[in-house]
Amino acid sequence: MAQSKINDQQAVKKWAGALFGSAVAKSFYGSKLMASTKLVGKAGSMANAPIGVITDLEQGAGDLVSFDMFVQLKGRGTYGDDVLEGNEEDLTSFTDEIKINQVRHGVTPGGKMNQKRTINDLRAIAKVKLERWHASHFDDVVMTTLGGGRGHAKDLYIGMGATAPIRGASEYTQYDEDSIVYGGSATSKASLTASDTMTLDLIDELVLNAKRGGKADGEFRMEPLEESAEEYYMLTLSPEQIHDLRKDTGTGGWLDIQKAAAASNGYQNHIFKGSAGEYNKVHIKEVNSVVTYNDFGAGNNIKAHTGVFMGRQAAVVAFGSASDKNLRANWEEKEKDYGNQVGISAGMVYGTKLPAFDGKVVNSMAAYTAVSKSRT
């Protein structure tokens, strides 16, 4: 006999929609750095945000979506009466793809003897707990995607040693040498010392690297964010990296950096609001968790944190439909153990990707620094 469900279709739709909306709103990356986009090569343009969203899979079957990113033009033009026809430049793009998979979690309040509340109370409690779990899991997925790997932190919902942020979906894209900057005088993982912490000089180097090339040389240049006719970049740092940056700038210098960020609160784009500071057209965001390592340095014993420097579409998130109602989340309730227990599950279907062209990461760079303070 089939197991009976204690919900109806109206309840499924209501709770599934509410779960997705609340989970994304409670996630840092979903609420602060993400924006929907119609991808270049299909319609529209790159989202003016560090994280672009693909929705192509929501209305159809499949677990893989391809997207195009177009390289800037490099031709030097035609002058005077020289013939242009036949000398036009081809639009050049590269194609990347994201594989998605289902992510579910469930709760049960136990048997009837342990259920002190009504089923409606249990639904509300389950919704709160599951939406918070999905929000935290989503942040871990996006954070490690941007960081280029799982790292060594013990508190992530992603298993230690994972090669993909979501098992069965796209694997991590690691940063190439041209997309990495190290703190202080370090030039490699092995040469990082305990004193090579986050500084303004490192931010200047990131900006300099982001502005190199990008015209007739055919090199792919990081696409900056835009606000009020100005170009900006975004840098996410851990609280420990922010602590070291404050020491580098001094009290007065850090106050000036905060004042510059406060002025951006009037901008229309939500990604510029709530920055910890602004320096050299870089908005600095403090995030509670970044990709961390404990094996840098010559002795493999230096703790390092990963700052992520971003332009437009540094990462891409693709959502699929989690139910036959074309909803981004799925909510299921059912009785089990002959009606003695209730199980409640909630799931989302998505995947993430760090775009890469010719083996090189585009629109983001990793900043590996030691930290003078550590929570572990």
Protein backbone atom coordinates (compact mmCIF):
# COMPACT_ATOMS: atom_id res chain seq x y z
CA MET A 1 0.00 0.00 0.00
CA ALA A 2 1.29 3.47 -0.86
CA GLN A 3 2.31 5.71 2.01
CA SER A 4 -0.19 8.46 2.70
CA LYS A 5 0.78 12.12 2.52
CA ILE A 6 -0.54 14.60 5.06
CA ASN A 7 -0.38 17.61 2.75
CA ASP A 8 -2.38 18.73 -0.26
CA GLN A 9 -1.14 20.27 -3.50
CA GLN A 10 -2.01 23.80 -2.40
CA ALA A 11 0.13 23.35 0.72
CA VAL A 12 3.02 21.97 -1.35
CA LYS A 13 3.01 25.00 -3.63
CA LYS A 14 2.71 27.46 -0.76
CA TRP A 15 5.45 25.99 1.37
CA ALA A 16 7.78 25.22 -1.55
CA GLY A 17 7.62 28.79 -2.83
CA ALA A 18 8.04 30.22 0.64
CA LEU A 19 11.01 27.96 1.33
CA PHE A 20 12.97 29.10 -1.74
CA GLY A 21 12.18 32.77 -1.25
CA SER A 22 13.16 32.69 2.41
CA ALA A 23 16.23 30.52 1.94
CA VAL A 24 17.76 32.78 -0.71
CA ALA A 25 16.82 35.92 1.22
CA LYS A 26 18.59 34.58 4.30
CA SER A 27 21.73 33.58 2.41
CA PHE A 28 24.52 36.15 2.15
CA TYR A 29 25.43 35.45 -1.46
CA GLY A 30 21.83 35.13 -2.61
CA SER A 31 20.73 38.43 -1.10
CA LYS A 32 23.91 40.53 -1.44
CA LEU A 33 25.81 39.48 -4.57
CA MET A 34 23.37 37.73 -6.90
CA ALA A 35 21.19 39.04 -9.72
CA SER A 36 19.15 37.38 -12.46
CA THR A 37 20.51 37.65 -15.97
CA LYS A 38 19.70 36.81 -19.54
CA LEU A 39 23.01 35.41 -20.67
CA VAL A 40 25.16 37.01 -23.32
CA GLY A 41 24.76 35.06 -26.53
CA LYS A 42 21.10 34.34 -25.88
CA ALA A 43 19.49 37.63 -24.90
CA GLY A 44 20.38 40.75 -22.95
CA SER A 45 23.70 41.18 -21.19
CA MET A 46 25.73 40.09 -18.19
CA ALA A 47 24.09 40.92 -14.87
CA ASN A 48 25.63 43.88 -13.07
CA ALA A 49 26.48 41.66 -10.11
CA PRO A 50 29.27 39.28 -9.08
CA ILE A 51 26.94 36.28 -9.36
CA GLY A 52 24.71 35.73 -12.37
CA VAL A 53 21.65 33.47 -12.33
CA ILE A 54 20.62 31.11 -15.12
CA THR A 55 17.01 29.96 -15.20
CA ASP A 56 17.04 28.03 -18.51
CA LEU A 57 16.44 24.68 -16.79
CA GLU A 58 13.41 25.75 -14.79
CA GLN A 59 10.92 25.13 -17.57
CA GLY A 60 12.40 21.96 -19.04
CA ALA A 61 14.15 18.71 -18.37
CA GLY A 62 17.88 18.25 -18.11
CA ASP A 63 20.70 18.62 -15.64
CA LEU A 64 23.18 20.56 -17.79
CA VAL A 65 23.08 24.10 -19.16
CA SER A 66 25.62 25.80 -21.41
CA PHE A 67 26.29 29.52 -21.41
CA ASP A 68 28.36 31.83 -23.59
CA MET A 69 30.62 34.71 -22.63
CA PHE A 70 31.87 36.97 -25.41
CA VAL A 71 35.44 38.22 -25.64
CA GLN A 72 36.00 41.93 -26.36
CA LEU A 73 36.68 43.05 -29.93
CA LYS A 74 40.37 43.35 -30.85
CA GLY A 75 40.28 44.71 -34.41
CA ARG A 76 41.82 48.16 -34.98
CA GLY A 77 39.07 49.51 -37.21
CA THR A 78 38.80 50.86 -40.76
CA TYR A 79 39.67 54.46 -41.70
CA GLY A 80 38.72 56.85 -44.45
CA ASP A 81 37.53 55.18 -47.63
CA ASP A 82 39.20 51.87 -46.89
CA VAL A 83 36.82 48.97 -47.51
CA LEU A 84 35.08 47.64 -44.39
CA GLU A 85 32.91 45.04 -46.10
CA GLY A 86 34.62 41.69 -45.88
CA ASN A 87 36.90 42.93 -43.12
CA GLU A 88 34.36 42.81 -40.31
CA GLU A 89 35.45 41.14 -37.09
CA ASP A 90 33.80 37.92 -35.99
CA LEU A 91 32.21 37.91 -32.57
CA THR A 92 34.27 35.54 -30.43
CA SER A 93 32.84 33.72 -27.47
CA PHE A 94 33.68 30.83 -25.22
CA THR A 95 31.19 28.33 -23.89
CA ASP A 96 31.08 26.95 -20.39
CA GLU A 97 28.49 24.74 -18.74
CA ILE A 98 26.95 24.04 -15.37
CA LYS A 99 25.70 20.70 -14.14
CA ILE A 100 22.98 20.80 -11.50
CA ASN A 101 21.71 18.29 -8.97
CA GLN A 102 19.06 17.97 -6.31
CA VAL A 103 19.86 18.96 -2.72
CA ARG A 104 17.44 17.73 -0.07
CA HIS A 105 17.19 17.63 3.68
CA GLY A 106 14.44 16.38 5.95
CA VAL A 107 13.27 16.44 9.55
CA THR A 108 11.03 14.32 11.71
CA PRO A 109 9.57 15.21 15.12
CA GLY A 110 9.60 11.57 16.18
CA GLY A 111 6.67 9.38 17.14
CA LYS A 112 3.34 10.49 18.53
CA MET A 113 4.54 10.08 22.11
CA ASN A 114 7.23 12.71 21.46
CA GLN A 115 5.00 15.15 19.61
CA LYS A 116 3.95 17.83 22.05
CA ARG A 117 2.79 20.29 19.41
CA THR A 118 0.10 20.29 16.74
CA ILE A 119 1.01 19.35 13.18
CA ASN A 120 0.67 23.01 12.10
CA ASP A 121 3.25 24.06 14.69
CA LEU A 122 5.55 21.32 13.46
CA ARG A 123 5.17 22.54 9.88
CA ALA A 124 6.17 26.07 10.90
CA ILE A 125 9.15 24.86 12.93
CA ALA A 126 10.27 22.56 10.09
CA LYS A 127 10.00 25.39 7.57
CA VAL A 128 12.16 27.72 9.68
CA LYS A 129 14.80 25.07 10.31
CA LEU A 130 14.89 23.79 6.73
CA GLU A 131 15.00 27.23 5.12
CA ARG A 132 17.90 28.19 7.40
CA TRP A 133 19.67 24.95 6.53
CA HIS A 134 19.22 25.54 2.81
CA ALA A 135 20.38 29.16 3.17
CA SER A 136 23.55 28.07 4.96
CA HIS A 137 24.14 25.22 2.53
CA PHE A 138 23.66 27.60 -0.43
CA ASP A 139 26.21 30.00 1.06
CA ASP A 140 28.70 27.16 1.56
CA VAL A 141 28.20 26.07 -2.06
CA VAL A 142 28.67 29.55 -3.54
CA MET A 143 31.49 30.48 -1.15
CA THR A 144 33.56 27.41 -1.97
CA THR A 145 32.80 27.79 -5.69
CA LEU A 146 34.18 31.34 -5.60
CA GLY A 147 37.06 30.18 -3.43
CA GLY A 148 38.07 27.52 -5.93
CA GLY A 149 37.81 24.55 -3.56
CA ARG A 150 36.50 23.07 -0.31
CA GLY A 151 39.39 24.05 1.96
CA HIS A 152 39.93 22.73 5.48
CA ALA A 153 37.17 24.37 7.56
CA LYS A 154 35.39 21.84 9.77
CA ASP A 155 31.99 23.54 9.99
CA LEU A 156 30.86 23.49 6.34
CA TYR A 157 27.83 21.49 5.20
CA ILE A 158 30.02 20.30 2.33
CA GLY A 159 32.00 17.21 3.27
CA MET A 160 35.74 17.43 3.86
CA GLY A 161 37.71 16.56 0.74
CA ALA A 162 34.76 17.15 -1.62
CA THR A 163 35.73 17.80 -5.24
CA ALA A 164 32.40 19.50 -6.04
CA PRO A 165 30.25 21.90 -4.01
CA ILE A 166 27.22 19.68 -4.76
CA ARG A 167 27.87 15.97 -5.24
CA GLY A 168 26.97 14.96 -8.79
CA ALA A 169 27.04 18.56 -10.06
CA SER A 170 29.87 20.67 -11.53
CA GLU A 171 33.25 20.17 -9.90
CA TYR A 172 35.31 23.01 -8.46
CA THR A 173 37.27 25.18 -10.88
CA GLN A 174 40.67 25.92 -9.38
CA TYR A 175 42.38 29.27 -9.87
CA ASP A 176 45.25 29.37 -12.35
CA GLU A 177 48.55 31.13 -11.55
CA ASP A 178 47.50 34.33 -13.34
CA SER A 179 44.39 34.55 -11.17
CA ILE A 180 46.13 34.30 -7.79
CA VAL A 181 47.69 36.99 -5.60
CA TYR A 182 49.45 36.19 -2.32
CA GLY A 183 49.81 38.36 0.75
CA GLY A 184 53.03 40.25 1.49
CA SER A 185 56.09 39.15 -0.42
CA ALA A 186 54.84 35.59 -0.98
CA THR A 187 54.68 34.32 -4.54
CA SER A 188 53.43 30.80 -3.89
CA LYS A 189 51.63 28.62 -1.38
CA ALA A 190 54.93 27.35 0.03
CA SER A 191 56.46 30.82 0.43
CA LEU A 192 53.59 32.34 2.45
CA THR A 193 54.67 33.29 5.98
CA ALA A 194 52.69 34.26 9.06
CA SER A 195 53.36 37.96 8.38
CA ASP A 196 51.92 37.92 4.84
CA THR A 197 48.50 39.25 5.83
CA MET A 198 45.84 41.33 4.06
CA THR A 199 46.98 44.88 3.16
CA LEU A 200 46.00 47.79 0.96
CA ASP A 201 49.00 47.02 -1.26
CA LEU A 202 47.47 43.64 -2.04
CA ILE A 203 44.17 45.30 -3.04
CA ASP A 204 46.11 47.68 -5.31
CA GLU A 205 47.78 44.67 -6.95
CA LEU A 206 44.42 43.01 -7.54
CA VAL A 207 43.07 46.15 -9.20
CA LEU A 208 46.19 46.47 -11.34
CA ASN A 209 45.91 42.87 -12.51
CA ALA A 210 42.20 43.31 -13.28
CA LYS A 211 42.89 46.26 -15.59
CA ARG A 212 45.60 44.63 -17.67
CA GLY A 213 44.91 43.77 -21.29
CA GLY A 214 41.48 43.49 -22.74
CA LYS A 215 41.67 45.34 -26.06
CA ALA A 216 43.67 44.65 -29.23
CA ASP A 217 45.76 42.01 -27.45
CA GLY A 218 42.76 39.69 -27.34
CA GLU A 219 43.30 38.97 -23.65
CA PHE A 220 40.16 38.50 -21.60
CA ARG A 221 39.80 41.42 -19.20
CA MET A 222 37.75 41.24 -16.03
CA GLU A 223 34.41 42.95 -16.61
CA PRO A 224 33.91 45.55 -13.85
CA LEU A 225 30.69 46.33 -12.03
CA GLU A 226 29.05 49.66 -12.78
CA GLU A 227 27.23 52.23 -10.66
CA SER A 228 26.55 55.90 -11.35
CA ALA A 229 28.77 55.80 -14.46
CA GLU A 230 31.72 54.51 -12.39
CA GLU A 231 33.50 51.15 -12.54
CA TYR A 232 33.91 49.10 -9.36
CA TYR A 233 35.07 45.71 -8.16
CA MET A 234 34.04 43.58 -5.19
CA LEU A 235 36.29 41.90 -2.61
CA THR A 236 35.00 39.44 -0.02
CA LEU A 237 37.15 38.96 3.09
CA SER A 238 36.88 37.00 6.31
CA PRO A 239 36.59 38.85 9.66
CA GLU A 240 40.21 37.89 10.30
CA GLN A 241 41.35 39.46 7.01
CA ILE A 242 39.32 42.59 7.82
CA HIS A 243 41.06 42.69 11.20
CA ASP A 244 44.47 42.64 9.53
CA LEU A 245 43.41 45.25 6.97
CA ARG A 246 42.30 47.60 9.75
CA LYS A 247 45.73 47.29 11.37
CA ASP A 248 47.40 48.03 8.04
CA THR A 249 45.40 51.21 7.42
CA GLY A 250 45.39 52.51 10.98
CA THR A 251 42.38 53.90 12.80
CA GLY A 252 42.01 57.06 10.73
CA GLY A 253 42.62 55.28 7.45
CA TRP A 254 40.01 52.63 8.18
CA LEU A 255 37.46 55.29 9.12
CA ASP A 256 37.99 56.94 5.74
CA ILE A 257 37.47 53.59 4.03
CA GLN A 258 34.22 53.08 5.95
CA LYS A 259 33.01 56.58 5.09
CA ALA A 260 33.54 55.88 1.40
CA ALA A 261 31.46 52.71 1.70
CA ALA A 262 28.71 54.52 3.63
CA ALA A 263 28.32 56.95 0.74
CA SER A 264 27.44 54.05 -1.56
CA ASN A 265 24.35 53.18 0.46
CA GLY A 266 22.42 55.55 -1.77
CA TYR A 267 23.26 53.53 -4.90
CA GLN A 268 20.40 51.73 -6.61
CA ASN A 269 22.20 48.41 -6.99
CA HIS A 270 21.78 46.31 -3.84
CA ILE A 271 25.23 44.75 -4.14
CA PHE A 272 26.92 48.03 -3.16
CA LYS A 273 24.96 48.36 0.08
CA GLY A 274 26.35 47.10 3.38
CA SER A 275 30.02 47.15 2.41
CA ALA A 276 32.58 47.14 5.20
CA GLY A 277 34.70 49.63 3.29
CA GLU A 278 35.63 51.05 -0.08
CA TYR A 279 39.17 51.54 -1.36
CA ASN A 280 40.47 52.25 -4.86
CA LYS A 281 37.01 51.59 -6.37
CA VAL A 282 36.83 48.24 -4.59
CA HIS A 283 33.85 47.49 -2.34
CA ILE A 284 34.99 45.32 0.55
CA LYS A 285 32.44 42.86 1.91
CA GLU A 286 32.97 41.04 5.19
CA VAL A 287 31.69 37.47 5.07
CA ASN A 288 31.58 35.20 8.08
CA SER A 289 33.06 32.27 6.23
CA VAL A 290 35.65 32.00 3.44
CA VAL A 291 37.66 29.09 2.09
CA THR A 292 40.42 28.47 4.64
CA TYR A 293 43.52 26.29 4.61
CA ASN A 294 45.92 25.08 7.31
CA ASP A 295 48.79 23.82 5.15
CA PHE A 296 50.40 26.90 3.58
CA GLY A 297 54.03 27.86 4.13
CA ALA A 298 57.30 25.97 3.90
CA GLY A 299 56.31 23.82 6.88
CA ASN A 300 52.71 23.27 5.69
CA ASN A 301 51.50 24.81 8.95
CA ILE A 302 50.42 28.37 8.06
CA LYS A 303 46.71 29.13 8.18
CA ALA A 304 45.53 31.00 5.10
CA HIS A 305 42.23 32.60 4.17
CA THR A 306 40.94 33.15 0.64
CA GLY A 307 39.74 36.61 -0.31
CA VAL A 308 37.81 36.70 -3.60
CA PHE A 309 38.17 39.69 -5.94
CA MET A 310 35.26 39.91 -8.38
CA GLY A 311 33.87 41.71 -11.37
CA ARG A 312 30.66 40.89 -13.20
CA GLN A 313 29.56 37.28 -13.34
CA ALA A 314 32.48 35.99 -11.31
CA ALA A 315 30.32 32.95 -10.64
CA VAL A 316 27.17 31.58 -12.22
CA VAL A 317 24.30 29.81 -10.46
CA ALA A 318 21.79 27.70 -12.38
CA PHE A 319 18.47 26.70 -10.86
CA GLY A 320 16.33 23.85 -12.07
CA SER A 321 12.74 22.98 -11.27
CA ALA A 322 12.47 20.99 -8.05
CA SER A 323 8.88 19.91 -8.65
CA ASP A 324 6.30 19.29 -11.36
CA LYS A 325 4.90 22.75 -10.55
CA ASN A 326 8.03 24.47 -11.94
CA LEU A 327 8.97 25.66 -8.46
CA ARG A 328 12.59 26.18 -7.41
CA ALA A 329 11.97 24.28 -4.18
CA ASN A 330 10.07 21.13 -3.29
CA TRP A 331 8.22 20.46 -0.03
CA GLU A 332 6.94 17.02 0.92
CA GLU A 333 5.21 15.67 4.01
CA LYS A 334 4.24 12.08 4.62
CA GLU A 335 3.22 9.72 7.37
CA LYS A 336 5.41 6.72 8.07
CA ASP A 337 5.67 3.84 10.52
CA TYR A 338 1.91 3.16 10.18
CA GLY A 339 1.03 6.77 10.93
CA ASN A 340 3.09 6.99 14.11
CA GLN A 341 5.63 9.42 12.66
CA VAL A 342 5.69 12.33 10.26
CA GLY A 343 8.55 13.09 7.86
CA ILE A 344 9.03 16.49 6.25
CA SER A 345 11.53 17.10 3.45
CA ALA A 346 12.54 20.16 1.43
CA GLY A 347 14.74 20.22 -1.64
CA MET A 348 16.22 22.56 -4.23
CA VAL A 349 17.85 21.83 -7.59
CA TYR A 350 20.83 23.97 -8.54
CA GLY A 351 24.51 24.11 -9.44
CA THR A 352 27.32 26.66 -9.47
CA LYS A 353 30.36 27.36 -11.64
CA LEU A 354 33.41 29.59 -11.74
CA PRO A 355 33.63 30.48 -15.47
CA ALA A 356 36.93 29.68 -17.18
CA PHE A 357 38.27 30.36 -20.67
CA ASP A 358 41.27 28.46 -22.11
CA GLY A 359 42.03 27.07 -18.66
CA LYS A 360 42.01 30.51 -17.02
CA VAL A 361 39.43 31.78 -14.57
CA VAL A 362 37.68 34.94 -15.77
CA ASN A 363 36.07 37.77 -13.77
CA SER A 364 37.54 36.76 -10.40
CA MET A 365 40.87 36.32 -8.61
CA ALA A 366 41.89 34.62 -5.38
CA ALA A 367 43.82 36.50 -2.69
CA TYR A 368 45.54 34.07 -0.32
CA THR A 369 46.74 35.66 2.91
CA ALA A 370 47.90 34.55 6.31
CA VAL A 371 45.84 35.80 9.27
CA SER A 372 47.20 37.17 12.52
CA LYS A 373 44.13 35.96 14.44
CA SER A 374 42.28 32.71 14.02
CA ARG A 375 39.05 31.26 15.38
CA THR A 376 40.39 27.72 15.16
